[in-house]
Amino acid sequence: IAFYTSSSFYYQIYDSPYEVNLNQYLYVQVK
């Protein structure tokens, strides 16, 4: 399972924990 910067799922986010704003979209890919 991994977070990505957009719905294109091209750039994976490696920060852990990954900081987001409230109501910000999270793009998660499970393989």
PDB file of all heavy atoms in Angstrom:
ATOM      1  N   ILE A   1       0.861  -1.167   0.000  1.00  0.00           N
ATOM      2  CA  ILE A   1       0.000   0.000   0.000  1.00  0.00           C
ATOM      3  C   ILE A   1       0.906   1.227   0.000  1.00  0.00           C
ATOM      4  O   ILE A   1       1.955   1.227   0.657  1.00  0.00           O
ATOM      5  CB  ILE A   1      -0.962  -0.021   1.215  1.00  0.00           C
ATOM      6  CG1 ILE A   1      -1.953   1.141   1.153  1.00  0.00           C
ATOM      7  CG2 ILE A   1      -0.209  -0.026   2.519  1.00  0.00           C
ATOM      8  CD1 ILE A   1      -3.073   1.025   2.175  1.00  0.00           C
ATOM      9  N   ALA A   2       0.539   2.250  -0.774  1.00  0.00           N
ATOM     10  CA  ALA A   2       1.385   3.433  -0.876  1.00  0.00           C
ATOM     11  C   ALA A   2       0.536   4.656  -1.191  1.00  0.00           C
ATOM     12  O   ALA A   2      -0.525   4.562  -1.809  1.00  0.00           O
ATOM     13  CB  ALA A   2       2.439   3.241  -1.973  1.00  0.00           C
ATOM     14  N   PHE A   3       1.023   5.828  -0.743  1.00  0.00           N
ATOM     15  CA  PHE A   3       0.408   7.110  -1.078  1.00  0.00           C
ATOM     16  C   PHE A   3       1.042   7.656  -2.348  1.00  0.00           C
ATOM     17  O   PHE A   3       2.227   7.428  -2.619  1.00  0.00           O
ATOM     18  CB  PHE A   3       0.629   8.123   0.047  1.00  0.00           C
ATOM     19  CG  PHE A   3      -0.140   7.827   1.299  1.00  0.00           C
ATOM     20  CD1 PHE A   3       0.526   7.592   2.492  1.00  0.00           C
ATOM     21  CD2 PHE A   3      -1.520   7.799   1.300  1.00  0.00           C
ATOM     22  CE1 PHE A   3      -0.175   7.329   3.650  1.00  0.00           C
ATOM     23  CE2 PHE A   3      -2.229   7.539   2.464  1.00  0.00           C
ATOM     24  CZ  PHE A   3      -1.552   7.302   3.638  1.00  0.00           C
ATOM     25  N   TYR A   4       0.251   8.429  -3.115  1.00  0.00           N
ATOM     26  CA  TYR A   4       0.729   9.075  -4.333  1.00  0.00           C
ATOM     27  C   TYR A   4       0.283  10.532  -4.337  1.00  0.00           C
ATOM     28  O   TYR A   4      -0.663  10.913  -3.644  1.00  0.00           O
ATOM     29  CB  TYR A   4       0.204   8.348  -5.581  1.00  0.00           C
ATOM     30  CG  TYR A   4       0.915   7.046  -5.817  1.00  0.00           C
ATOM     31  CD1 TYR A   4       0.551   5.898  -5.141  1.00  0.00           C
ATOM     32  CD2 TYR A   4       1.986   6.977  -6.700  1.00  0.00           C
ATOM     33  CE1 TYR A   4       1.220   4.710  -5.331  1.00  0.00           C
ATOM     34  CE2 TYR A   4       2.668   5.784  -6.898  1.00  0.00           C
ATOM     35  CZ  TYR A   4       2.271   4.658  -6.214  1.00  0.00           C
ATOM     36  OH  TYR A   4       2.951   3.494  -6.413  1.00  0.00           O
ATOM     37  N   THR A   5       0.951  11.353  -5.161  1.00  0.00           N
ATOM     38  CA  THR A   5       0.664  12.791  -5.201  1.00  0.00           C
ATOM     39  C   THR A   5      -0.597  13.125  -5.982  1.00  0.00           C
ATOM     40  O   THR A   5      -1.165  14.189  -5.780  1.00  0.00           O
ATOM     41  CB  THR A   5       1.850  13.563  -5.824  1.00  0.00           C
ATOM     42  OG1 THR A   5       2.088  13.058  -7.141  1.00  0.00           O
ATOM     43  CG2 THR A   5       3.101  13.433  -4.970  1.00  0.00           C
ATOM     44  N   SER A   6      -1.040  12.239  -6.870  1.00  0.00           N
ATOM     45  CA  SER A   6      -2.220  12.533  -7.690  1.00  0.00           C
ATOM     46  C   SER A   6      -2.892  11.240  -8.121  1.00  0.00           C
ATOM     47  O   SER A   6      -2.379  10.146  -7.898  1.00  0.00           O
ATOM     48  CB  SER A   6      -1.825  13.349  -8.926  1.00  0.00           C
ATOM     49  OG  SER A   6      -1.116  12.532  -9.838  1.00  0.00           O
ATOM     50  N   SER A   7      -4.023  11.385  -8.802  1.00  0.00           N
ATOM     51  CA  SER A   7      -4.770  10.219  -9.262  1.00  0.00           C
ATOM     52  C   SER A   7      -4.091   9.503 -10.422  1.00  0.00           C
ATOM     53  O   SER A   7      -4.517   8.426 -10.827  1.00  0.00           O
ATOM     54  CB  SER A   7      -6.192  10.630  -9.662  1.00  0.00           C
ATOM     55  OG  SER A   7      -6.133  11.570 -10.715  1.00  0.00           O
ATOM     56  N   SER A   8      -3.001  10.073 -10.959  1.00  0.00           N
ATOM     57  CA  SER A   8      -2.246   9.368 -12.003  1.00  0.00           C
ATOM     58  C   SER A   8      -1.378   8.253 -11.409  1.00  0.00           C
ATOM     59  O   SER A   8      -0.906   7.389 -12.127  1.00  0.00           O
ATOM     60  CB  SER A   8      -1.345  10.349 -12.768  1.00  0.00           C
ATOM     61  OG  SER A   8      -0.314  10.828 -11.912  1.00  0.00           O
ATOM     62  N   PHE A   9      -1.174   8.271 -10.081  1.00  0.00           N
ATOM     63  CA  PHE A   9      -0.375   7.266  -9.368  1.00  0.00           C
ATOM     64  C   PHE A   9       1.013   7.105  -9.982  1.00  0.00           C
ATOM     65  O   PHE A   9       1.527   6.009 -10.125  1.00  0.00           O
ATOM     66  CB  PHE A   9      -1.114   5.918  -9.318  1.00  0.00           C
ATOM     67  CG  PHE A   9      -2.403   5.996  -8.550  1.00  0.00           C
ATOM     68  CD1 PHE A   9      -3.608   6.166  -9.203  1.00  0.00           C
ATOM     69  CD2 PHE A   9      -2.391   5.920  -7.181  1.00  0.00           C
ATOM     70  CE1 PHE A   9      -4.795   6.252  -8.500  1.00  0.00           C
ATOM     71  CE2 PHE A   9      -3.573   6.010  -6.460  1.00  0.00           C
ATOM     72  CZ  PHE A   9      -4.769   6.181  -7.120  1.00  0.00           C
ATOM     73  N   TYR A  10       1.618   8.235 -10.339  1.00  0.00           N
ATOM     74  CA  TYR A  10       2.943   8.208 -10.949  1.00  0.00           C
ATOM     75  C   TYR A  10       4.031   8.506  -9.926  1.00  0.00           C
ATOM     76  O   TYR A  10       5.044   7.824  -9.888  1.00  0.00           O
ATOM     77  CB  TYR A  10       2.994   9.195 -12.122  1.00  0.00           C
ATOM     78  CG  TYR A  10       4.257   9.102 -12.932  1.00  0.00           C
ATOM     79  CD1 TYR A  10       4.477   8.011 -13.771  1.00  0.00           C
ATOM     80  CD2 TYR A  10       5.243  10.071 -12.835  1.00  0.00           C
ATOM     81  CE1 TYR A  10       5.640   7.902 -14.503  1.00  0.00           C
ATOM     82  CE2 TYR A  10       6.414   9.969 -13.570  1.00  0.00           C
ATOM     83  CZ  TYR A  10       6.606   8.891 -14.395  1.00  0.00           C
ATOM     84  OH  TYR A  10       7.761   8.790 -15.115  1.00  0.00           O
ATOM     85  N   TYR A  11       3.826   9.527  -9.068  1.00  0.00           N
ATOM     86  CA  TYR A  11       4.842   9.918  -8.086  1.00  0.00           C
ATOM     87  C   TYR A  11       4.436   9.418  -6.700  1.00  0.00           C
ATOM     88  O   TYR A  11       3.496   9.917  -6.095  1.00  0.00           O
ATOM     89  CB  TYR A  11       5.032  11.434  -8.059  1.00  0.00           C
ATOM     90  CG  TYR A  11       5.597  11.990  -9.337  1.00  0.00           C
ATOM     91  CD1 TYR A  11       4.797  12.700 -10.221  1.00  0.00           C
ATOM     92  CD2 TYR A  11       6.935  11.796  -9.660  1.00  0.00           C
ATOM     93  CE1 TYR A  11       5.311  13.200 -11.407  1.00  0.00           C
ATOM     94  CE2 TYR A  11       7.466  12.291 -10.839  1.00  0.00           C
ATOM     95  CZ  TYR A  11       6.647  12.998 -11.705  1.00  0.00           C
ATOM     96  OH  TYR A  11       7.163  13.487 -12.870  1.00  0.00           O
ATOM     97  N   GLN A  12       5.180   8.433  -6.216  1.00  0.00           N
ATOM     98  CA  GLN A  12       4.892   7.863  -4.898  1.00  0.00           C
ATOM     99  C   GLN A  12       5.458   8.763  -3.810  1.00  0.00           C
ATOM    100  O   GLN A  12       6.514   9.376  -3.970  1.00  0.00           O
ATOM    101  CB  GLN A  12       5.499   6.471  -4.779  1.00  0.00           C
ATOM    102  CG  GLN A  12       5.149   5.775  -3.479  1.00  0.00           C
ATOM    103  CD  GLN A  12       5.660   4.344  -3.405  1.00  0.00           C
ATOM    104  OE1 GLN A  12       6.005   3.752  -4.416  1.00  0.00           O
ATOM    105  NE2 GLN A  12       5.712   3.801  -2.209  1.00  0.00           N
ATOM    106  N   ILE A  13       4.752   8.821  -2.672  1.00  0.00           N
ATOM    107  CA  ILE A  13       5.193   9.596  -1.517  1.00  0.00           C
ATOM    108  C   ILE A  13       5.820   8.631  -0.516  1.00  0.00           C
ATOM    109  O   ILE A  13       5.213   7.628  -0.137  1.00  0.00           O
ATOM    110  CB  ILE A  13       4.006  10.338  -0.873  1.00  0.00           C
ATOM    111  CG1 ILE A  13       3.442  11.344  -1.878  1.00  0.00           C
ATOM    112  CG2 ILE A  13       4.423  11.009   0.424  1.00  0.00           C
ATOM    113  CD1 ILE A  13       2.109  11.903  -1.495  1.00  0.00           C
ATOM    114  N   TYR A  14       7.047   8.960  -0.092  1.00  0.00           N
ATOM    115  CA  TYR A  14       7.765   8.069   0.820  1.00  0.00           C
ATOM    116  C   TYR A  14       7.801   8.606   2.250  1.00  0.00           C
ATOM    117  O   TYR A  14       8.322   7.948   3.139  1.00  0.00           O
ATOM    118  CB  TYR A  14       9.192   7.827   0.315  1.00  0.00           C
ATOM    119  CG  TYR A  14       9.211   7.057  -0.986  1.00  0.00           C
ATOM    120  CD1 TYR A  14       9.320   7.710  -2.210  1.00  0.00           C
ATOM    121  CD2 TYR A  14       9.089   5.679  -0.991  1.00  0.00           C
ATOM    122  CE1 TYR A  14       9.323   7.001  -3.406  1.00  0.00           C
ATOM    123  CE2 TYR A  14       9.077   4.951  -2.176  1.00  0.00           C
ATOM    124  CZ  TYR A  14       9.206   5.630  -3.374  1.00  0.00           C
ATOM    125  OH  TYR A  14       9.194   4.921  -4.550  1.00  0.00           O
ATOM    126  N   ASP A  15       7.258   9.824   2.489  1.00  0.00           N
ATOM    127  CA  ASP A  15       7.234  10.391   3.827  1.00  0.00           C
ATOM    128  C   ASP A  15       6.346   9.540   4.728  1.00  0.00           C
ATOM    129  O   ASP A  15       5.246   9.158   4.347  1.00  0.00           O
ATOM    130  CB  ASP A  15       6.681  11.820   3.812  1.00  0.00           C
ATOM    131  CG  ASP A  15       7.520  12.762   2.967  1.00  0.00           C
ATOM    132  OD1 ASP A  15       8.680  12.425   2.682  1.00  0.00           O
ATOM    133  OD2 ASP A  15       6.999  13.825   2.587  1.00  0.00           O
ATOM    134  N   SER A  16       6.823   9.257   5.946  1.00  0.00           N
ATOM    135  CA  SER A  16       6.006   8.517   6.894  1.00  0.00           C
ATOM    136  C   SER A  16       6.265   9.069   8.288  1.00  0.00           C
ATOM    137  O   SER A  16       7.400   9.032   8.757  1.00  0.00           O
ATOM    138  CB  SER A  16       6.351   7.033   6.854  1.00  0.00           C
ATOM    139  OG  SER A  16       5.519   6.324   7.732  1.00  0.00           O
ATOM    140  N   PRO A  17       5.282   9.663   8.944  1.00  0.00           N
ATOM    141  CA  PRO A  17       3.918   9.802   8.450  1.00  0.00           C
ATOM    142  C   PRO A  17       3.824  10.885   7.378  1.00  0.00           C
ATOM    143  O   PRO A  17       4.594  11.840   7.365  1.00  0.00           O
ATOM    144  CB  PRO A  17       3.115  10.194   9.693  1.00  0.00           C
ATOM    145  CG  PRO A  17       4.110  10.862  10.583  1.00  0.00           C
ATOM    146  CD  PRO A  17       5.439  10.213  10.305  1.00  0.00           C
ATOM    147  N   TYR A  18       2.871  10.726   6.484  1.00  0.00           N
ATOM    148  CA  TYR A  18       2.620  11.674   5.400  1.00  0.00           C
ATOM    149  C   TYR A  18       1.652  12.727   5.915  1.00  0.00           C
ATOM    150  O   TYR A  18       0.560  12.420   6.367  1.00  0.00           O
ATOM    151  CB  TYR A  18       2.046  10.918   4.206  1.00  0.00           C
ATOM    152  CG  TYR A  18       1.530  11.760   3.068  1.00  0.00           C
ATOM    153  CD1 TYR A  18       2.232  12.856   2.600  1.00  0.00           C
ATOM    154  CD2 TYR A  18       0.340  11.432   2.435  1.00  0.00           C
ATOM    155  CE1 TYR A  18       1.764  13.607   1.547  1.00  0.00           C
ATOM    156  CE2 TYR A  18      -0.141  12.169   1.378  1.00  0.00           C
ATOM    157  CZ  TYR A  18       0.574  13.269   0.942  1.00  0.00           C
ATOM    158  OH  TYR A  18       0.096  14.014  -0.098  1.00  0.00           O
ATOM    159  N   GLU A  19       2.059  14.015   5.907  1.00  0.00           N
ATOM    160  CA  GLU A  19       1.225  15.088   6.444  1.00  0.00           C
ATOM    161  C   GLU A  19       0.323  15.652   5.359  1.00  0.00           C
ATOM    162  O   GLU A  19       0.776  15.980   4.265  1.00  0.00           O
ATOM    163  CB  GLU A  19       2.100  16.195   7.030  1.00  0.00           C
ATOM    164  CG  GLU A  19       2.843  15.744   8.272  1.00  0.00           C
ATOM    165  CD  GLU A  19       3.489  16.895   9.011  1.00  0.00           C
ATOM    166  OE1 GLU A  19       3.270  18.068   8.642  1.00  0.00           O
ATOM    167  OE2 GLU A  19       4.215  16.620   9.975  1.00  0.00           O
ATOM    168  N   VAL A  20      -0.962  15.780   5.702  1.00  0.00           N
ATOM    169  CA  VAL A  20      -1.956  16.325   4.776  1.00  0.00           C
ATOM    170  C   VAL A  20      -2.820  17.330   5.524  1.00  0.00           C
ATOM    171  O   VAL A  20      -2.888  17.322   6.756  1.00  0.00           O
ATOM    172  CB  VAL A  20      -2.858  15.217   4.181  1.00  0.00           C
ATOM    173  CG1 VAL A  20      -2.051  14.242   3.351  1.00  0.00           C
ATOM    174  CG2 VAL A  20      -3.615  14.491   5.258  1.00  0.00           C
ATOM    175  N   ASN A  21      -3.486  18.209   4.782  1.00  0.00           N
ATOM    176  CA  ASN A  21      -4.460  19.119   5.366  1.00  0.00           C
ATOM    177  C   ASN A  21      -5.789  18.387   5.501  1.00  0.00           C
ATOM    178  O   ASN A  21      -6.078  17.444   4.761  1.00  0.00           O
ATOM    179  CB  ASN A  21      -4.644  20.351   4.475  1.00  0.00           C
ATOM    180  CG  ASN A  21      -3.389  21.202   4.445  1.00  0.00           C
ATOM    181  OD1 ASN A  21      -2.738  21.388   5.461  1.00  0.00           O
ATOM    182  ND2 ASN A  21      -3.049  21.699   3.270  1.00  0.00           N
ATOM    183  N   LEU A  22      -6.612  18.852   6.446  1.00  0.00           N
ATOM    184  CA  LEU A  22      -7.952  18.283   6.554  1.00  0.00           C
ATOM    185  C   LEU A  22      -8.691  18.509   5.243  1.00  0.00           C
ATOM    186  O   LEU A  22      -8.536  19.544   4.594  1.00  0.00           O
ATOM    187  CB  LEU A  22      -8.710  18.934   7.705  1.00  0.00           C
ATOM    188  CG  LEU A  22      -8.230  18.559   9.105  1.00  0.00           C
ATOM    189  CD1 LEU A  22      -9.025  19.312  10.159  1.00  0.00           C
ATOM    190  CD2 LEU A  22      -8.362  17.067   9.338  1.00  0.00           C
ATOM    191  N   ASN A  23      -9.477  17.523   4.828  1.00  0.00           N
ATOM    192  CA  ASN A  23     -10.252  17.547   3.588  1.00  0.00           C
ATOM    193  C   ASN A  23      -9.396  17.499   2.325  1.00  0.00           C
ATOM    194  O   ASN A  23      -9.912  17.678   1.231  1.00  0.00           O
ATOM    195  CB  ASN A  23     -11.195  18.761   3.537  1.00  0.00           C
ATOM    196  CG  ASN A  23     -12.200  18.721   4.659  1.00  0.00           C
ATOM    197  OD1 ASN A  23     -12.740  17.665   4.972  1.00  0.00           O
ATOM    198  ND2 ASN A  23     -12.436  19.863   5.280  1.00  0.00           N
ATOM    199  N   GLN A  24      -8.118  17.286   2.465  1.00  0.00           N
ATOM    200  CA  GLN A  24      -7.253  17.105   1.286  1.00  0.00           C
ATOM    201  C   GLN A  24      -7.433  15.683   0.778  1.00  0.00           C
ATOM    202  O   GLN A  24      -7.609  14.742   1.549  1.00  0.00           O
ATOM    203  CB  GLN A  24      -5.788  17.332   1.674  1.00  0.00           C
ATOM    204  CG  GLN A  24      -4.803  17.091   0.543  1.00  0.00           C
ATOM    205  CD  GLN A  24      -3.352  17.279   0.988  1.00  0.00           C
ATOM    206  OE1 GLN A  24      -3.087  17.945   1.961  1.00  0.00           O
ATOM    207  NE2 GLN A  24      -2.450  16.650   0.272  1.00  0.00           N
ATOM    208  N   TYR A  25      -7.412  15.493  -0.554  1.00  0.00           N
ATOM    209  CA  TYR A  25      -7.526  14.164  -1.130  1.00  0.00           C
ATOM    210  C   TYR A  25      -6.282  13.339  -0.820  1.00  0.00           C
ATOM    211  O   TYR A  25      -5.166  13.859  -0.825  1.00  0.00           O
ATOM    212  CB  TYR A  25      -7.695  14.219  -2.653  1.00  0.00           C
ATOM    213  CG  TYR A  25      -9.085  14.585  -3.099  1.00  0.00           C
ATOM    214  CD1 TYR A  25      -9.364  15.829  -3.633  1.00  0.00           C
ATOM    215  CD2 TYR A  25     -10.118  13.656  -2.995  1.00  0.00           C
ATOM    216  CE1 TYR A  25     -10.646  16.168  -4.036  1.00  0.00           C
ATOM    217  CE2 TYR A  25     -11.395  13.976  -3.400  1.00  0.00           C
ATOM    218  CZ  TYR A  25     -11.660  15.235  -3.917  1.00  0.00           C
ATOM    219  OH  TYR A  25     -12.921  15.544  -4.319  1.00  0.00           O
ATOM    220  N   LEU A  26      -6.503  12.062  -0.542  1.00  0.00           N
ATOM    221  CA  LEU A  26      -5.412  11.107  -0.388  1.00  0.00           C
ATOM    222  C   LEU A  26      -5.506  10.128  -1.548  1.00  0.00           C
ATOM    223  O   LEU A  26      -6.575   9.578  -1.818  1.00  0.00           O
ATOM    224  CB  LEU A  26      -5.554  10.325   0.922  1.00  0.00           C
ATOM    225  CG  LEU A  26      -5.235  11.052   2.207  1.00  0.00           C
ATOM    226  CD1 LEU A  26      -5.551  10.146   3.397  1.00  0.00           C
ATOM    227  CD2 LEU A  26      -3.783  11.444   2.254  1.00  0.00           C
ATOM    228  N   TYR A  27      -4.408   9.907  -2.234  1.00  0.00           N
ATOM    229  CA  TYR A  27      -4.369   8.947  -3.338  1.00  0.00           C
ATOM    230  C   TYR A  27      -3.589   7.733  -2.855  1.00  0.00           C
ATOM    231  O   TYR A  27      -2.393   7.808  -2.599  1.00  0.00           O
ATOM    232  CB  TYR A  27      -3.729   9.573  -4.578  1.00  0.00           C
ATOM    233  CG  TYR A  27      -4.488  10.797  -5.044  1.00  0.00           C
ATOM    234  CD1 TYR A  27      -4.083  12.080  -4.700  1.00  0.00           C
ATOM    235  CD2 TYR A  27      -5.636  10.644  -5.812  1.00  0.00           C
ATOM    236  CE1 TYR A  27      -4.800  13.180  -5.117  1.00  0.00           C
ATOM    237  CE2 TYR A  27      -6.350  11.747  -6.238  1.00  0.00           C
ATOM    238  CZ  TYR A  27      -5.930  13.017  -5.886  1.00  0.00           C
ATOM    239  OH  TYR A  27      -6.651  14.100  -6.296  1.00  0.00           O
ATOM    240  N   VAL A  28      -4.295   6.635  -2.705  1.00  0.00           N
ATOM    241  CA  VAL A  28      -3.724   5.422  -2.130  1.00  0.00           C
ATOM    242  C   VAL A  28      -3.822   4.312  -3.164  1.00  0.00           C
ATOM    243  O   VAL A  28      -4.873   4.091  -3.762  1.00  0.00           O
ATOM    244  CB  VAL A  28      -4.482   5.002  -0.852  1.00  0.00           C
ATOM    245  CG1 VAL A  28      -3.847   3.766  -0.239  1.00  0.00           C
ATOM    246  CG2 VAL A  28      -4.517   6.143   0.144  1.00  0.00           C
ATOM    247  N   GLN A  29      -2.709   3.614  -3.370  1.00  0.00           N
ATOM    248  CA  GLN A  29      -2.697   2.476  -4.291  1.00  0.00           C
ATOM    249  C   GLN A  29      -2.360   1.219  -3.501  1.00  0.00           C
ATOM    250  O   GLN A  29      -1.395   1.186  -2.739  1.00  0.00           O
ATOM    251  CB  GLN A  29      -1.662   2.678  -5.393  1.00  0.00           C
ATOM    252  CG  GLN A  29      -1.662   1.549  -6.408  1.00  0.00           C
ATOM    253  CD  GLN A  29      -0.600   1.757  -7.471  1.00  0.00           C
ATOM    254  OE1 GLN A  29       0.582   1.749  -7.163  1.00  0.00           O
ATOM    255  NE2 GLN A  29      -1.044   1.963  -8.697  1.00  0.00           N
ATOM    256  N   VAL A  30      -3.167   0.179  -3.689  1.00  0.00           N
ATOM    257  CA  VAL A  30      -2.937  -1.115  -3.056  1.00  0.00           C
ATOM    258  C   VAL A  30      -2.701  -2.122  -4.168  1.00  0.00           C
ATOM    259  O   VAL A  30      -3.450  -2.170  -5.136  1.00  0.00           O
ATOM    260  CB  VAL A  30      -4.144  -1.529  -2.195  1.00  0.00           C
ATOM    261  CG1 VAL A  30      -3.884  -2.865  -1.528  1.00  0.00           C
ATOM    262  CG2 VAL A  30      -4.458  -0.461  -1.162  1.00  0.00           C
ATOM    263  N   LYS A  31      -1.618  -2.905  -4.042  1.00  0.00           N
ATOM    264  CA  LYS A  31      -1.274  -3.875  -5.085  1.00  0.00           C
ATOM    265  C   LYS A  31      -1.060  -5.245  -4.464  1.00  0.00           C
ATOM    266  O   LYS A  31      -0.573  -5.367  -3.356  1.00  0.00           O
ATOM    267  CB  LYS A  31       0.014  -3.464  -5.809  1.00  0.00           C
ATOM    268  CG  LYS A  31      -0.114  -2.244  -6.664  1.00  0.00           C
ATOM    269  CD  LYS A  31       1.062  -2.061  -7.607  1.00  0.00           C
ATOM    270  CE  LYS A  31       2.387  -2.035  -6.914  1.00  0.00           C
ATOM    271  NZ  LYS A  31       3.500  -1.642  -7.781  1.00  0.00           N
TER     272      LYS A  31
END
